[in-house]
Amino acid sequence: MLMDPSLILPYLWVLVVLVFLEGLLAADNAIVMAVMVKHLPPEQRKKALFYGLLGAFVFRFLALFLISIIANFWFIQAAGAVYLILYVNQKSMAVL
């Protein structure tokens, strides 16, 4: 039994954006790590790059996992809503 593609299509752009952002973050991590390890000897440089990029990768997935859990609590959602209301109110007052 195949799923109707029209159910998936509206969320496809979310996946595309997430993949794009992950690519940007990976490139940013690689540039920062390269700058940080350029003074090391070549053998240590390889290890530092490997463990640094692995750590960034693992941390990113752990953070996404924790955010997906934390975002389900009603008080976190309420705090986010209050923050957004105050933020929009502040910005709208600045325009006036």
PDB file of N, CA and C in Angstrom:
ATOM      1  N   MET A   1       0.841  -1.170   0.000  1.00  0.00           N
ATOM      2  CA  MET A   1       0.000   0.000   0.000  1.00  0.00           C
ATOM      3  C   MET A   1       0.892   1.240   0.000  1.00  0.00           C
ATOM      4  N   LEU A   2       0.754   2.064  -1.001  1.00  0.00           N
ATOM      5  CA  LEU A   2       1.557   3.270  -1.123  1.00  0.00           C
ATOM      6  C   LEU A   2       0.828   4.466  -0.543  1.00  0.00           C
ATOM      7  N   MET A   3       1.623   5.374   0.023  1.00  0.00           N
ATOM      8  CA  MET A   3       1.045   6.594   0.587  1.00  0.00           C
ATOM      9  C   MET A   3       0.784   7.591  -0.538  1.00  0.00           C
ATOM     10  N   ASP A   4      -0.256   8.335  -0.397  1.00  0.00           N
ATOM     11  CA  ASP A   4      -0.609   9.354  -1.374  1.00  0.00           C
ATOM     12  C   ASP A   4       0.448  10.466  -1.342  1.00  0.00           C
ATOM     13  N   PRO A   5       1.101  10.765  -2.469  1.00  0.00           N
ATOM     14  CA  PRO A   5       2.144  11.800  -2.490  1.00  0.00           C
ATOM     15  C   PRO A   5       1.637  13.183  -2.100  1.00  0.00           C
ATOM     16  N   SER A   6       0.354  13.439  -2.271  1.00  0.00           N
ATOM     17  CA  SER A   6      -0.170  14.761  -1.920  1.00  0.00           C
ATOM     18  C   SER A   6      -0.124  15.000  -0.410  1.00  0.00           C
ATOM     19  N   LEU A   7       0.011  13.939   0.375  1.00  0.00           N
ATOM     20  CA  LEU A   7       0.142  14.098   1.820  1.00  0.00           C
ATOM     21  C   LEU A   7       1.555  14.533   2.211  1.00  0.00           C
ATOM     22  N   ILE A   8       2.526  14.115   1.433  1.00  0.00           N
ATOM     23  CA  ILE A   8       3.923  14.407   1.737  1.00  0.00           C
ATOM     24  C   ILE A   8       4.369  15.729   1.118  1.00  0.00           C
ATOM     25  N   LEU A   9       3.814  16.084  -0.007  1.00  0.00           N
ATOM     26  CA  LEU A   9       4.266  17.243  -0.771  1.00  0.00           C
ATOM     27  C   LEU A   9       4.325  18.546   0.020  1.00  0.00           C
ATOM     28  N   PRO A  10       3.335  18.876   0.847  1.00  0.00           N
ATOM     29  CA  PRO A  10       3.428  20.150   1.582  1.00  0.00           C
ATOM     30  C   PRO A  10       4.617  20.224   2.542  1.00  0.00           C
ATOM     31  N   TYR A  11       5.119  19.090   2.989  1.00  0.00           N
ATOM     32  CA  TYR A  11       6.228  19.084   3.942  1.00  0.00           C
ATOM     33  C   TYR A  11       7.580  18.885   3.268  1.00  0.00           C
ATOM     34  N   LEU A  12       7.575  18.708   1.969  1.00  0.00           N
ATOM     35  CA  LEU A  12       8.821  18.477   1.252  1.00  0.00           C
ATOM     36  C   LEU A  12       9.743  19.687   1.345  1.00  0.00           C
ATOM     37  N   TRP A  13       9.189  20.894   1.280  1.00  0.00           N
ATOM     38  CA  TRP A  13      10.026  22.089   1.364  1.00  0.00           C
ATOM     39  C   TRP A  13      10.715  22.187   2.724  1.00  0.00           C
ATOM     40  N   VAL A  14      10.079  21.688   3.773  1.00  0.00           N
ATOM     41  CA  VAL A  14      10.702  21.699   5.102  1.00  0.00           C
ATOM     42  C   VAL A  14      11.949  20.825   5.080  1.00  0.00           C
ATOM     43  N   LEU A  15      11.844  19.665   4.483  1.00  0.00           N
ATOM     44  CA  LEU A  15      12.989  18.766   4.380  1.00  0.00           C
ATOM     45  C   LEU A  15      14.111  19.403   3.566  1.00  0.00           C
ATOM     46  N   VAL A  16      13.758  20.050   2.466  1.00  0.00           N
ATOM     47  CA  VAL A  16      14.759  20.702   1.620  1.00  0.00           C
ATOM     48  C   VAL A  16      15.474  21.808   2.395  1.00  0.00           C
ATOM     49  N   VAL A  17      14.727  22.619   3.125  1.00  0.00           N
ATOM     50  CA  VAL A  17      15.329  23.698   3.913  1.00  0.00           C
ATOM     51  C   VAL A  17      16.230  23.133   5.003  1.00  0.00           C
ATOM     52  N   LEU A  18      15.790  22.082   5.683  1.00  0.00           N
ATOM     53  CA  LEU A  18      16.611  21.479   6.738  1.00  0.00           C
ATOM     54  C   LEU A  18      17.910  20.899   6.183  1.00  0.00           C
ATOM     55  N   VAL A  19      17.836  20.248   5.041  1.00  0.00           N
ATOM     56  CA  VAL A  19      19.049  19.696   4.426  1.00  0.00           C
ATOM     57  C   VAL A  19      19.997  20.828   4.038  1.00  0.00           C
ATOM     58  N   PHE A  20      19.451  21.914   3.497  1.00  0.00           N
ATOM     59  CA  PHE A  20      20.269  23.071   3.119  1.00  0.00           C
ATOM     60  C   PHE A  20      20.942  23.683   4.349  1.00  0.00           C
ATOM     61  N   LEU A  21      20.183  23.862   5.422  1.00  0.00           N
ATOM     62  CA  LEU A  21      20.750  24.439   6.645  1.00  0.00           C
ATOM     63  C   LEU A  21      21.812  23.532   7.256  1.00  0.00           C
ATOM     64  N   GLU A  22      21.592  22.232   7.227  1.00  0.00           N
ATOM     65  CA  GLU A  22      22.599  21.294   7.729  1.00  0.00           C
ATOM     66  C   GLU A  22      23.882  21.406   6.909  1.00  0.00           C
ATOM     67  N   GLY A  23      23.737  21.566   5.603  1.00  0.00           N
ATOM     68  CA  GLY A  23      24.913  21.749   4.751  1.00  0.00           C
ATOM     69  C   GLY A  23      25.676  23.015   5.096  1.00  0.00           C
ATOM     70  N   LEU A  24      24.950  24.103   5.332  1.00  0.00           N
ATOM     71  CA  LEU A  24      25.600  25.356   5.728  1.00  0.00           C
ATOM     72  C   LEU A  24      26.304  25.220   7.070  1.00  0.00           C
ATOM     73  N   LEU A  25      25.654  24.573   8.022  1.00  0.00           N
ATOM     74  CA  LEU A  25      26.273  24.388   9.334  1.00  0.00           C
ATOM     75  C   LEU A  25      27.512  23.501   9.245  1.00  0.00           C
ATOM     76  N   ALA A  26      27.460  22.482   8.417  1.00  0.00           N
ATOM     77  CA  ALA A  26      28.619  21.604   8.253  1.00  0.00           C
ATOM     78  C   ALA A  26      29.784  22.370   7.632  1.00  0.00           C
ATOM     79  N   ALA A  27      29.494  23.203   6.633  1.00  0.00           N
ATOM     80  CA  ALA A  27      30.549  24.001   6.006  1.00  0.00           C
ATOM     81  C   ALA A  27      31.135  24.993   7.003  1.00  0.00           C
ATOM     82  N   ASP A  28      30.285  25.621   7.782  1.00  0.00           N
ATOM     83  CA  ASP A  28      30.746  26.564   8.804  1.00  0.00           C
ATOM     84  C   ASP A  28      31.628  25.852   9.827  1.00  0.00           C
ATOM     85  N   ASN A  29      31.201  24.675  10.270  1.00  0.00           N
ATOM     86  CA  ASN A  29      32.007  23.904  11.226  1.00  0.00           C
ATOM     87  C   ASN A  29      33.367  23.553  10.634  1.00  0.00           C
ATOM     88  N   ALA A  30      33.384  23.168   9.376  1.00  0.00           N
ATOM     89  CA  ALA A  30      34.642  22.782   8.735  1.00  0.00           C
ATOM     90  C   ALA A  30      35.596  23.971   8.650  1.00  0.00           C
ATOM     91  N   ILE A  31      35.073  25.144   8.319  1.00  0.00           N
ATOM     92  CA  ILE A  31      35.925  26.335   8.211  1.00  0.00           C
ATOM     93  C   ILE A  31      36.486  26.717   9.577  1.00  0.00           C
ATOM     94  N   VAL A  32      35.635  26.740  10.581  1.00  0.00           N
ATOM     95  CA  VAL A  32      36.091  27.104  11.930  1.00  0.00           C
ATOM     96  C   VAL A  32      37.112  26.092  12.437  1.00  0.00           C
ATOM     97  N   MET A  33      36.847  24.817  12.228  1.00  0.00           N
ATOM     98  CA  MET A  33      37.790  23.790  12.684  1.00  0.00           C
ATOM     99  C   MET A  33      39.125  23.915  11.952  1.00  0.00           C
ATOM    100  N   ALA A  34      39.093  24.198  10.647  1.00  0.00           N
ATOM    101  CA  ALA A  34      40.332  24.337   9.886  1.00  0.00           C
ATOM    102  C   ALA A  34      41.172  25.488  10.423  1.00  0.00           C
ATOM    103  N   VAL A  35      40.531  26.587  10.762  1.00  0.00           N
ATOM    104  CA  VAL A  35      41.258  27.727  11.324  1.00  0.00           C
ATOM    105  C   VAL A  35      41.838  27.372  12.690  1.00  0.00           C
ATOM    106  N   MET A  36      41.085  26.616  13.479  1.00  0.00           N
ATOM    107  CA  MET A  36      41.533  26.285  14.832  1.00  0.00           C
ATOM    108  C   MET A  36      42.694  25.291  14.852  1.00  0.00           C
ATOM    109  N   VAL A  37      42.770  24.401  13.870  1.00  0.00           N
ATOM    110  CA  VAL A  37      43.788  23.342  13.914  1.00  0.00           C
ATOM    111  C   VAL A  37      44.956  23.583  12.965  1.00  0.00           C
ATOM    112  N   LYS A  38      44.995  24.711  12.291  1.00  0.00           N
ATOM    113  CA  LYS A  38      46.048  24.910  11.291  1.00  0.00           C
ATOM    114  C   LYS A  38      47.448  24.978  11.901  1.00  0.00           C
ATOM    115  N   HIS A  39      47.558  25.284  13.185  1.00  0.00           N
ATOM    116  CA  HIS A  39      48.865  25.362  13.831  1.00  0.00           C
ATOM    117  C   HIS A  39      49.363  24.002  14.325  1.00  0.00           C
ATOM    118  N   LEU A  40      48.526  22.979  14.278  1.00  0.00           N
ATOM    119  CA  LEU A  40      48.901  21.650  14.771  1.00  0.00           C
ATOM    120  C   LEU A  40      49.721  20.895  13.731  1.00  0.00           C
ATOM    121  N   PRO A  41      50.530  19.930  14.182  1.00  0.00           N
ATOM    122  CA  PRO A  41      51.220  19.042  13.238  1.00  0.00           C
ATOM    123  C   PRO A  41      50.191  18.234  12.431  1.00  0.00           C
ATOM    124  N   PRO A  42      50.557  17.790  11.225  1.00  0.00           N
ATOM    125  CA  PRO A  42      49.582  17.125  10.340  1.00  0.00           C
ATOM    126  C   PRO A  42      48.834  15.953  10.969  1.00  0.00           C
ATOM    127  N   GLU A  43      49.518  15.099  11.738  1.00  0.00           N
ATOM    128  CA  GLU A  43      48.832  13.942  12.329  1.00  0.00           C
ATOM    129  C   GLU A  43      47.809  14.381  13.374  1.00  0.00           C
ATOM    130  N   GLN A  44      48.180  15.324  14.216  1.00  0.00           N
ATOM    131  CA  GLN A  44      47.236  15.845  15.209  1.00  0.00           C
ATOM    132  C   GLN A  44      46.111  16.632  14.537  1.00  0.00           C
ATOM    133  N   ARG A  45      46.426  17.294  13.441  1.00  0.00           N
ATOM    134  CA  ARG A  45      45.421  18.064  12.711  1.00  0.00           C
ATOM    135  C   ARG A  45      44.310  17.148  12.205  1.00  0.00           C
ATOM    136  N   LYS A  46      44.697  15.987  11.661  1.00  0.00           N
ATOM    137  CA  LYS A  46      43.692  15.034  11.168  1.00  0.00           C
ATOM    138  C   LYS A  46      42.784  14.559  12.299  1.00  0.00           C
ATOM    139  N   LYS A  47      43.401  14.211  13.435  1.00  0.00           N
ATOM    140  CA  LYS A  47      42.614  13.740  14.577  1.00  0.00           C
ATOM    141  C   LYS A  47      41.696  14.839  15.104  1.00  0.00           C
ATOM    142  N   ALA A  48      42.230  16.049  15.218  1.00  0.00           N
ATOM    143  CA  ALA A  48      41.431  17.160  15.744  1.00  0.00           C
ATOM    144  C   ALA A  48      40.252  17.463  14.822  1.00  0.00           C
ATOM    145  N   LEU A  49      40.481  17.458  13.519  1.00  0.00           N
ATOM    146  CA  LEU A  49      39.386  17.697  12.571  1.00  0.00           C
ATOM    147  C   LEU A  49      38.339  16.600  12.660  1.00  0.00           C
ATOM    148  N   PHE A  50      38.791  15.351  12.716  1.00  0.00           N
ATOM    149  CA  PHE A  50      37.851  14.235  12.776  1.00  0.00           C
ATOM    150  C   PHE A  50      36.989  14.306  14.029  1.00  0.00           C
ATOM    151  N   TYR A  51      37.636  14.434  15.191  1.00  0.00           N
ATOM    152  CA  TYR A  51      36.877  14.445  16.441  1.00  0.00           C
ATOM    153  C   TYR A  51      36.049  15.720  16.600  1.00  0.00           C
ATOM    154  N   GLY A  52      36.548  16.826  16.111  1.00  0.00           N
ATOM    155  CA  GLY A  52      35.785  18.070  16.189  1.00  0.00           C
ATOM    156  C   GLY A  52      34.528  18.026  15.343  1.00  0.00           C
ATOM    157  N   LEU A  53      34.655  17.550  14.114  1.00  0.00           N
ATOM    158  CA  LEU A  53      33.480  17.458  13.236  1.00  0.00           C
ATOM    159  C   LEU A  53      32.519  16.373  13.712  1.00  0.00           C
ATOM    160  N   LEU A  54      33.052  15.272  14.226  1.00  0.00           N
ATOM    161  CA  LEU A  54      32.193  14.230  14.786  1.00  0.00           C
ATOM    162  C   LEU A  54      31.424  14.767  15.995  1.00  0.00           C
ATOM    163  N   GLY A  55      32.113  15.503  16.847  1.00  0.00           N
ATOM    164  CA  GLY A  55      31.452  16.095  18.009  1.00  0.00           C
ATOM    165  C   GLY A  55      30.364  17.077  17.610  1.00  0.00           C
ATOM    166  N   ALA A  56      30.621  17.894  16.601  1.00  0.00           N
ATOM    167  CA  ALA A  56      29.611  18.846  16.132  1.00  0.00           C
ATOM    168  C   ALA A  56      28.403  18.110  15.565  1.00  0.00           C
ATOM    169  N   PHE A  57      28.655  17.039  14.836  1.00  0.00           N
ATOM    170  CA  PHE A  57      27.576  16.243  14.246  1.00  0.00           C
ATOM    171  C   PHE A  57      26.715  15.604  15.335  1.00  0.00           C
ATOM    172  N   VAL A  58      27.368  14.976  16.315  1.00  0.00           N
ATOM    173  CA  VAL A  58      26.635  14.321  17.406  1.00  0.00           C
ATOM    174  C   VAL A  58      25.869  15.356  18.227  1.00  0.00           C
ATOM    175  N   PHE A  59      26.507  16.483  18.545  1.00  0.00           N
ATOM    176  CA  PHE A  59      25.838  17.519  19.326  1.00  0.00           C
ATOM    177  C   PHE A  59      24.612  18.052  18.597  1.00  0.00           C
ATOM    178  N   ARG A  60      24.708  18.234  17.287  1.00  0.00           N
ATOM    179  CA  ARG A  60      23.572  18.759  16.524  1.00  0.00           C
ATOM    180  C   ARG A  60      22.383  17.808  16.604  1.00  0.00           C
ATOM    181  N   PHE A  61      22.624  16.511  16.464  1.00  0.00           N
ATOM    182  CA  PHE A  61      21.516  15.555  16.536  1.00  0.00           C
ATOM    183  C   PHE A  61      20.959  15.431  17.953  1.00  0.00           C
ATOM    184  N   LEU A  62      21.823  15.489  18.958  1.00  0.00           N
ATOM    185  CA  LEU A  62      21.333  15.470  20.337  1.00  0.00           C
ATOM    186  C   LEU A  62      20.494  16.711  20.630  1.00  0.00           C
ATOM    187  N   ALA A  63      20.937  17.861  20.139  1.00  0.00           N
ATOM    188  CA  ALA A  63      20.178  19.094  20.356  1.00  0.00           C
ATOM    189  C   ALA A  63      18.816  19.017  19.676  1.00  0.00           C
ATOM    190  N   LEU A  64      18.770  18.499  18.454  1.00  0.00           N
ATOM    191  CA  LEU A  64      17.486  18.356  17.761  1.00  0.00           C
ATOM    192  C   LEU A  64      16.568  17.395  18.501  1.00  0.00           C
ATOM    193  N   PHE A  65      17.128  16.314  19.020  1.00  0.00           N
ATOM    194  CA  PHE A  65      16.334  15.350  19.775  1.00  0.00           C
ATOM    195  C   PHE A  65      15.769  15.985  21.044  1.00  0.00           C
ATOM    196  N   LEU A  66      16.621  16.693  21.786  1.00  0.00           N
ATOM    197  CA  LEU A  66      16.159  17.334  23.018  1.00  0.00           C
ATOM    198  C   LEU A  66      15.129  18.425  22.737  1.00  0.00           C
ATOM    199  N   ILE A  67      15.323  19.183  21.680  1.00  0.00           N
ATOM    200  CA  ILE A  67      14.357  20.222  21.324  1.00  0.00           C
ATOM    201  C   ILE A  67      13.012  19.599  20.984  1.00  0.00           C
ATOM    202  N   SER A  68      13.034  18.470  20.284  1.00  0.00           N
ATOM    203  CA  SER A  68      11.766  17.825  19.926  1.00  0.00           C
ATOM    204  C   SER A  68      11.025  17.330  21.164  1.00  0.00           C
ATOM    205  N   ILE A  69      11.751  16.983  22.217  1.00  0.00           N
ATOM    206  CA  ILE A  69      11.108  16.565  23.468  1.00  0.00           C
ATOM    207  C   ILE A  69      10.634  17.782  24.258  1.00  0.00           C
ATOM    208  N   ILE A  70      11.511  18.762  24.414  1.00  0.00           N
ATOM    209  CA  ILE A  70      11.191  19.942  25.221  1.00  0.00           C
ATOM    210  C   ILE A  70      10.033  20.731  24.621  1.00  0.00           C
ATOM    211  N   ALA A  71       9.945  20.791  23.305  1.00  0.00           N
ATOM    212  CA  ALA A  71       8.902  21.588  22.650  1.00  0.00           C
ATOM    213  C   ALA A  71       7.505  21.028  22.891  1.00  0.00           C
ATOM    214  N   ASN A  72       7.388  19.819  23.399  1.00  0.00           N
ATOM    215  CA  ASN A  72       6.072  19.235  23.664  1.00  0.00           C
ATOM    216  C   ASN A  72       5.491  19.639  25.016  1.00  0.00           C
ATOM    217  N   PHE A  73       6.269  20.289  25.864  1.00  0.00           N
ATOM    218  CA  PHE A  73       5.758  20.739  27.157  1.00  0.00           C
ATOM    219  C   PHE A  73       4.959  22.018  26.967  1.00  0.00           C
ATOM    220  N   TRP A  74       3.768  22.066  27.571  1.00  0.00           N
ATOM    221  CA  TRP A  74       2.884  23.209  27.353  1.00  0.00           C
ATOM    222  C   TRP A  74       3.482  24.505  27.878  1.00  0.00           C
ATOM    223  N   PHE A  75       4.228  24.441  28.981  1.00  0.00           N
ATOM    224  CA  PHE A  75       4.761  25.678  29.553  1.00  0.00           C
ATOM    225  C   PHE A  75       5.900  26.246  28.709  1.00  0.00           C
ATOM    226  N   ILE A  76       6.610  25.390  27.993  1.00  0.00           N
ATOM    227  CA  ILE A  76       7.629  25.874  27.055  1.00  0.00           C
ATOM    228  C   ILE A  76       6.944  26.568  25.882  1.00  0.00           C
ATOM    229  N   GLN A  77       5.866  25.965  25.390  1.00  0.00           N
ATOM    230  CA  GLN A  77       5.107  26.589  24.307  1.00  0.00           C
ATOM    231  C   GLN A  77       4.514  27.918  24.760  1.00  0.00           C
ATOM    232  N   ALA A  78       3.997  27.969  25.993  1.00  0.00           N
ATOM    233  CA  ALA A  78       3.422  29.211  26.515  1.00  0.00           C
ATOM    234  C   ALA A  78       4.498  30.285  26.664  1.00  0.00           C
ATOM    235  N   ALA A  79       5.664  29.899  27.159  1.00  0.00           N
ATOM    236  CA  ALA A  79       6.758  30.864  27.297  1.00  0.00           C
ATOM    237  C   ALA A  79       7.185  31.390  25.929  1.00  0.00           C
ATOM    238  N   GLY A  80       7.229  30.518  24.934  1.00  0.00           N
ATOM    239  CA  GLY A  80       7.557  30.952  23.578  1.00  0.00           C
ATOM    240  C   GLY A  80       6.516  31.902  23.022  1.00  0.00           C
ATOM    241  N   ALA A  81       5.245  31.617  23.293  1.00  0.00           N
ATOM    242  CA  ALA A  81       4.168  32.493  22.822  1.00  0.00           C
ATOM    243  C   ALA A  81       4.255  33.864  23.481  1.00  0.00           C
ATOM    244  N   VAL A  82       4.507  33.891  24.788  1.00  0.00           N
ATOM    245  CA  VAL A  82       4.642  35.167  25.499  1.00  0.00           C
ATOM    246  C   VAL A  82       5.829  35.951  24.948  1.00  0.00           C
ATOM    247  N   TYR A  83       6.935  35.264  24.718  1.00  0.00           N
ATOM    248  CA  TYR A  83       8.111  35.926  24.158  1.00  0.00           C
ATOM    249  C   TYR A  83       7.793  36.542  22.797  1.00  0.00           C
ATOM    250  N   LEU A  84       7.135  35.782  21.933  1.00  0.00           N
ATOM    251  CA  LEU A  84       6.815  36.301  20.604  1.00  0.00           C
ATOM    252  C   LEU A  84       5.860  37.482  20.675  1.00  0.00           C
ATOM    253  N   ILE A  85       4.875  37.422  21.563  1.00  0.00           N
ATOM    254  CA  ILE A  85       3.936  38.539  21.717  1.00  0.00           C
ATOM    255  C   ILE A  85       4.680  39.788  22.184  1.00  0.00           C
ATOM    256  N   LEU A  86       5.546  39.648  23.174  1.00  0.00           N
ATOM    257  CA  LEU A  86       6.317  40.792  23.664  1.00  0.00           C
ATOM    258  C   LEU A  86       7.266  41.329  22.598  1.00  0.00           C
ATOM    259  N   TYR A  87       7.875  40.438  21.845  1.00  0.00           N
ATOM    260  CA  TYR A  87       8.800  40.840  20.785  1.00  0.00           C
ATOM    261  C   TYR A  87       8.079  41.632  19.700  1.00  0.00           C
ATOM    262  N   VAL A  88       6.945  41.118  19.252  1.00  0.00           N
ATOM    263  CA  VAL A  88       6.172  41.812  18.215  1.00  0.00           C
ATOM    264  C   VAL A  88       5.674  43.146  18.745  1.00  0.00           C
ATOM    265  N   ASN A  89       5.238  43.184  19.994  1.00  0.00           N
ATOM    266  CA  ASN A  89       4.766  44.426  20.594  1.00  0.00           C
ATOM    267  C   ASN A  89       5.889  45.461  20.637  1.00  0.00           C
ATOM    268  N   GLN A  90       7.083  45.028  21.022  1.00  0.00           N
ATOM    269  CA  GLN A  90       8.226  45.933  21.088  1.00  0.00           C
ATOM    270  C   GLN A  90       8.575  46.468  19.699  1.00  0.00           C
ATOM    271  N   LYS A  91       8.575  45.600  18.702  1.00  0.00           N
ATOM    272  CA  LYS A  91       8.910  46.019  17.341  1.00  0.00           C
ATOM    273  C   LYS A  91       7.846  46.948  16.771  1.00  0.00           C
ATOM    274  N   SER A  92       6.579  46.677  17.079  1.00  0.00           N
ATOM    275  CA  SER A  92       5.517  47.533  16.552  1.00  0.00           C
ATOM    276  C   SER A  92       5.550  48.904  17.224  1.00  0.00           C
ATOM    277  N   MET A  93       5.949  48.972  18.489  1.00  0.00           N
ATOM    278  CA  MET A  93       6.079  50.264  19.168  1.00  0.00           C
ATOM    279  C   MET A  93       7.251  51.060  18.607  1.00  0.00           C
ATOM    280  N   ALA A  94       8.313  50.375  18.190  1.00  0.00           N
ATOM    281  CA  ALA A  94       9.470  51.058  17.624  1.00  0.00           C
ATOM    282  C   ALA A  94       9.130  51.693  16.280  1.00  0.00           C
ATOM    283  N   VAL A  95       8.209  51.090  15.545  1.00  0.00           N
ATOM    284  CA  VAL A  95       7.808  51.621  14.242  1.00  0.00           C
ATOM    285  C   VAL A  95       6.982  52.888  14.422  1.00  0.00           C
ATOM    286  N   LEU A  96       6.163  52.919  15.466  1.00  0.00           N
ATOM    287  CA  LEU A  96       5.309  54.086  15.708  1.00  0.00           C
ATOM    288  C   LEU A  96       6.119  55.198  16.221  1.00  0.00           C
TER     289      LEU A  96
END
